Protein backbone atom coordinates (compact mmCIF):
# COMPACT_ATOMS: atom_id res chain seq x y z
CA UNK A 1 30.31 -54.73 -71.90
CA UNK A 2 27.36 -53.17 -73.83
CA UNK A 3 25.73 -50.30 -72.13
CA UNK A 4 22.80 -47.96 -73.40
CA UNK A 5 22.46 -44.76 -71.49
CA UNK A 6 19.38 -42.58 -71.87
CA UNK A 7 19.20 -39.05 -70.99
CA UNK A 8 17.03 -36.09 -71.54
CA UNK A 9 13.96 -36.84 -69.67
CA UNK A 10 12.02 -34.70 -67.38
CA UNK A 11 8.90 -32.67 -66.58
CA UNK A 12 7.29 -30.36 -69.20
CA UNK A 13 3.92 -28.84 -69.72
CA UNK A 14 1.63 -29.99 -72.33
CA UNK A 15 2.59 -28.66 -75.74
CA UNK A 16 6.33 -28.60 -74.72
CA UNK A 17 9.14 -30.50 -76.24
CA UNK A 18 11.81 -32.79 -74.88
CA UNK A 19 14.94 -34.50 -76.89
CA UNK A 20 16.00 -37.78 -75.41
CA UNK A 21 19.44 -39.37 -76.17
CA UNK A 22 20.53 -42.81 -75.77
CA UNK A 23 24.39 -43.26 -75.85
CA UNK A 24 25.66 -46.62 -76.64
CA UNK A 25 29.15 -48.15 -75.70
CA UNK A 26 30.74 -51.58 -75.91
CA UNK A 27 29.26 -52.31 -79.33
CA UNK A 28 29.60 -51.79 -82.82
CA UNK A 29 26.77 -49.21 -83.01
CA UNK A 30 26.32 -48.84 -86.79
CA UNK A 31 25.12 -52.52 -87.28
CA UNK A 32 22.19 -52.16 -84.66
CA UNK A 33 18.82 -51.35 -85.40
CA UNK A 34 17.57 -48.84 -82.47
CA UNK A 35 14.29 -48.25 -80.86
CA UNK A 36 12.61 -46.38 -78.31
CA UNK A 37 9.99 -47.74 -76.15
CA UNK A 38 7.84 -46.49 -73.30
CA UNK A 39 6.06 -47.97 -70.31
CA UNK A 40 3.46 -46.10 -68.44
CA UNK A 41 2.29 -47.25 -64.94
CA UNK A 42 -0.03 -50.28 -65.42
CA UNK A 43 0.54 -50.49 -68.91
CA UNK A 44 2.64 -52.74 -71.16
CA UNK A 45 5.96 -51.55 -72.73
CA UNK A 46 5.16 -50.29 -76.34
CA UNK A 47 7.39 -49.36 -79.15
CA UNK A 48 7.40 -45.49 -80.08
CA UNK A 49 9.68 -45.29 -82.88
CA UNK A 50 12.57 -47.28 -84.47
CA UNK A 51 15.29 -46.63 -86.98
CA UNK A 52 17.20 -49.42 -88.73
CA UNK A 53 20.96 -49.31 -89.32
CA UNK A 54 20.17 -47.99 -92.77
CA UNK A 55 18.27 -45.27 -91.38
CA UNK A 56 14.59 -46.45 -92.11
CA UNK A 57 12.11 -45.13 -89.57
CA UNK A 58 8.87 -46.25 -88.10
CA UNK A 59 6.56 -44.49 -85.70
CA UNK A 60 3.74 -45.72 -83.47
CA UNK A 61 0.25 -44.03 -84.78
CA UNK A 62 0.21 -42.12 -81.57
CA UNK A 63 3.34 -40.08 -81.95
CA UNK A 64 3.32 -39.76 -85.83
CA UNK A 65 3.93 -36.25 -86.88
CA UNK A 66 5.07 -35.30 -83.31
CA UNK A 67 8.04 -37.37 -82.57
CA UNK A 68 11.27 -37.87 -84.69
CA UNK A 69 13.75 -40.49 -84.31
CA UNK A 70 17.26 -40.26 -85.49
CA UNK A 71 20.75 -41.54 -85.15
CA UNK A 72 24.41 -40.42 -85.31
CA UNK A 73 26.79 -43.18 -85.60
CA UNK A 74 29.89 -41.16 -85.34
CA UNK A 75 28.57 -40.59 -81.62
CA UNK A 76 26.99 -43.94 -81.03
CA UNK A 77 23.95 -42.09 -80.35
CA UNK A 78 20.20 -42.23 -81.01
CA UNK A 79 17.81 -39.41 -80.50
CA UNK A 80 13.92 -39.07 -79.83
CA UNK A 81 12.85 -35.46 -80.60
CA UNK A 82 9.43 -35.20 -78.88
CA UNK A 83 7.14 -32.20 -79.79
CA UNK A 84 3.64 -31.31 -78.93
CA UNK A 85 4.01 -33.50 -75.94
CA UNK A 86 0.44 -34.54 -74.22
CA UNK A 87 -0.25 -35.91 -70.84
CA UNK A 88 -0.57 -39.43 -72.29
CA UNK A 89 3.10 -39.50 -73.36
CA UNK A 90 4.05 -39.71 -69.59
CA UNK A 91 6.04 -42.87 -69.30
CA UNK A 92 9.34 -44.33 -68.72
CA UNK A 93 11.41 -44.22 -72.02
CA UNK A 94 13.80 -46.96 -73.00
CA UNK A 95 16.16 -47.38 -75.88
CA UNK A 96 16.84 -50.87 -77.29
CA UNK A 97 19.61 -52.12 -79.58
CA UNK A 98 18.79 -55.19 -81.83
CA UNK A 99 20.89 -57.17 -84.21
CA UNK A 100 20.46 -60.24 -85.92
CA UNK A 101 23.87 -61.36 -85.00
CA UNK A 102 23.47 -61.00 -81.00
CA UNK A 103 21.09 -60.58 -78.31
CA UNK A 104 18.85 -57.44 -77.75
CA UNK A 105 20.15 -54.67 -75.25
CA UNK A 106 18.16 -52.23 -73.23
CA UNK A 107 18.84 -49.16 -71.44
CA UNK A 108 17.81 -48.26 -67.86
CA UNK A 109 15.12 -45.78 -68.98
CA UNK A 110 14.37 -42.05 -68.52
CA UNK A 111 11.17 -40.50 -67.06
CA UNK A 112 9.15 -38.16 -68.97
CA UNK A 113 6.15 -36.61 -67.22
CA UNK A 114 3.93 -34.30 -69.09
CA UNK A 115 1.68 -32.08 -67.06
CA UNK A 116 -1.74 -30.84 -68.24
């Protein structure tokens, strides 16, 4: 079955960096658009960044210029490089796979905590 497994979260000081990975299995990864979302306590889940199957990227205004999304189809993996982290970036980060041919899939999430 389809699985998305996030990794790379953790505790980091403000101004630091983290690189999240989302490894996919059980799917033809290259046909899916991929996205990173986050959900902070008491807040709605929001889109952070997305990358289409063709490599077109899109970012939330709050992370533009600090975060970079990329994908490596040969490894069935999408990445989120997060630099200049702020306390407001603290959240559980989820990856999502979207295709017009099937349902959406979500990972289980990875916690990112940025201390001030």
